[in-house]
Protein backbone atom coordinates (compact mmCIF):
# COMPACT_ATOMS: atom_id res chain seq x y z
CA MET A 1 46.85 -89.29 -45.56
CA ASP A 2 45.20 -91.98 -48.05
CA VAL A 3 48.51 -94.44 -47.13
CA ALA A 4 50.35 -94.05 -44.19
CA PHE A 5 53.91 -96.05 -44.23
CA GLU A 6 55.21 -97.15 -40.43
CA CYS A 7 58.84 -97.69 -40.90
CA ALA A 8 59.79 -97.03 -37.23
CA GLY A 9 58.81 -100.15 -35.71
CA GLN A 10 57.00 -98.19 -32.53
CA GLN A 11 53.50 -98.01 -31.05
CA GLU A 12 53.60 -94.56 -31.10
CA THR A 13 53.99 -94.51 -34.55
CA ILE A 14 51.57 -97.05 -35.48
CA ASP A 15 48.76 -95.18 -33.16
CA GLU A 16 49.73 -92.20 -35.42
CA CYS A 17 49.45 -93.33 -38.62
CA VAL A 18 46.08 -94.64 -37.81
CA GLU A 19 44.99 -91.51 -37.03
CA LEU A 20 46.05 -89.42 -40.29
CA LEU A 21 44.69 -92.05 -42.29
CA ARG A 22 41.56 -90.98 -44.22
CA PRO A 23 38.68 -93.85 -44.48
CA GLY A 24 39.69 -96.30 -46.99
CA GLY A 25 43.22 -95.70 -46.27
CA LYS A 26 46.12 -98.13 -46.23
CA LEU A 27 48.28 -98.56 -42.99
CA ILE A 28 51.72 -99.97 -44.27
CA LEU A 29 53.97 -101.74 -42.11
CA THR A 30 56.95 -102.04 -42.69
CA GLY A 31 59.23 -100.99 -38.95
CA ILE A 32 60.21 -103.97 -37.16
CA PRO A 33 58.92 -103.74 -33.57
CA ARG A 34 61.49 -104.74 -30.53
CA PHE A 35 58.83 -106.47 -29.08
CA GLU A 36 56.28 -109.32 -29.63
CA ARG A 37 53.10 -107.56 -29.95
CA ILE A 38 51.61 -104.53 -31.22
CA TYR A 39 48.09 -103.24 -30.83
CA LEU A 40 45.91 -101.80 -32.99
CA ALA A 41 43.26 -99.17 -32.09
CA ILE A 42 40.36 -102.04 -34.05
CA ASP A 43 37.35 -99.60 -33.40
CA LYS A 44 39.15 -96.85 -35.28
CA ILE A 45 40.41 -99.19 -37.98
CA ARG A 46 36.75 -100.77 -38.47
CA ARG A 47 35.26 -97.55 -38.33
CA LYS A 48 37.89 -96.02 -41.20
CA GLU A 49 37.87 -99.78 -42.84
CA ILE A 50 41.45 -99.25 -42.81
CA THR A 51 43.70 -102.21 -44.87
CA ILE A 52 46.70 -103.24 -42.90
CA VAL A 53 49.55 -104.60 -45.58
CA ASN A 54 52.26 -105.98 -43.78
CA ILE A 55 55.63 -105.90 -45.85
CA ARG A 56 59.01 -107.69 -44.62
CA ARG A 57 61.23 -106.47 -47.29
CA GLN A 58 59.31 -103.47 -48.62
CA ASN A 59 58.98 -105.52 -52.28
CA GLU A 60 57.56 -103.59 -54.59
CA PHE A 61 56.77 -100.58 -52.52
CA THR A 62 59.90 -99.05 -52.13
CA GLN A 63 60.34 -97.51 -55.24
CA LYS A 64 56.55 -96.23 -54.83
CA ALA A 65 57.45 -94.51 -51.76
CA VAL A 66 60.57 -92.87 -53.25
CA ASP A 67 58.70 -91.58 -56.61
CA LEU A 68 55.91 -90.09 -54.23
CA ILE A 69 58.76 -88.38 -51.76
CA ALA A 70 60.76 -87.22 -54.98
CA SER A 71 57.42 -85.44 -57.10
CA GLY A 72 56.70 -83.46 -53.93
CA LYS A 73 53.42 -85.42 -53.21
CA LEU A 74 54.65 -87.02 -50.03
CA ASN A 75 56.14 -84.66 -47.55
CA VAL A 76 58.04 -86.40 -45.19
CA ASP A 77 59.86 -83.56 -43.79
CA PHE A 78 57.72 -83.61 -40.42
CA MET A 79 59.70 -86.99 -39.44
CA ILE A 80 62.94 -85.84 -39.04
CA THR A 81 62.91 -85.08 -35.50
CA HIS A 82 66.72 -84.59 -35.10
CA HIS A 83 69.52 -83.06 -37.27
CA PHE A 84 73.41 -84.57 -36.49
CA ARG A 85 76.74 -83.02 -38.70
CA LEU A 86 78.68 -85.60 -40.64
CA GLU A 87 81.15 -85.63 -37.31
CA GLN A 88 78.16 -86.34 -34.95
CA THR A 89 77.46 -90.01 -36.88
CA LYS A 90 78.19 -92.21 -33.85
CA GLN A 91 75.84 -89.83 -31.56
CA ALA A 92 73.16 -90.02 -34.42
CA PHE A 93 73.29 -93.97 -34.07
CA GLU A 94 73.33 -94.35 -30.48
CA LEU A 95 70.39 -92.18 -30.04
CA VAL A 96 68.12 -93.89 -32.87
CA SER A 97 69.51 -97.09 -31.84
CA GLY A 98 68.57 -96.16 -28.11
CA TYR A 99 65.10 -94.84 -29.45
CA ARG A 100 65.92 -91.60 -26.70
CA ASP A 101 64.59 -87.83 -26.30
CA GLY A 102 61.25 -88.95 -28.52
CA VAL A 103 63.42 -89.47 -32.29
CA ILE A 104 61.46 -90.62 -35.26
CA LYS A 105 64.25 -89.97 -37.92
CA ALA A 106 67.43 -88.68 -37.14
CA MET A 107 69.19 -86.65 -40.28
CA ILE A 108 72.76 -86.89 -40.80
CA SER A 109 74.41 -84.09 -42.81
CA PRO A 110 78.14 -83.44 -44.54
């Protein structure tokens, strides 16, 4: 993978992004961690020469991500770990806000 967008703000997803990136890849940090510090596997980042970009409001990157997903060049289905019906919206938000049950992304379908 050439670019990885970390959007969950979780240590586990940051680590997974580093693993997935090819040498010379870019790690885009957009997630907001619930803690003061994150840790980076500096040995892997250095060896792979990964560029880290921190984005506060996804300025100029959101549309690029949407275009990649829409074109089919970027498959994000693997990130959806939980599915909910519309009437289960409250449960979905409670699960995600509490980071329970290994949730990465929850999909609410009408």
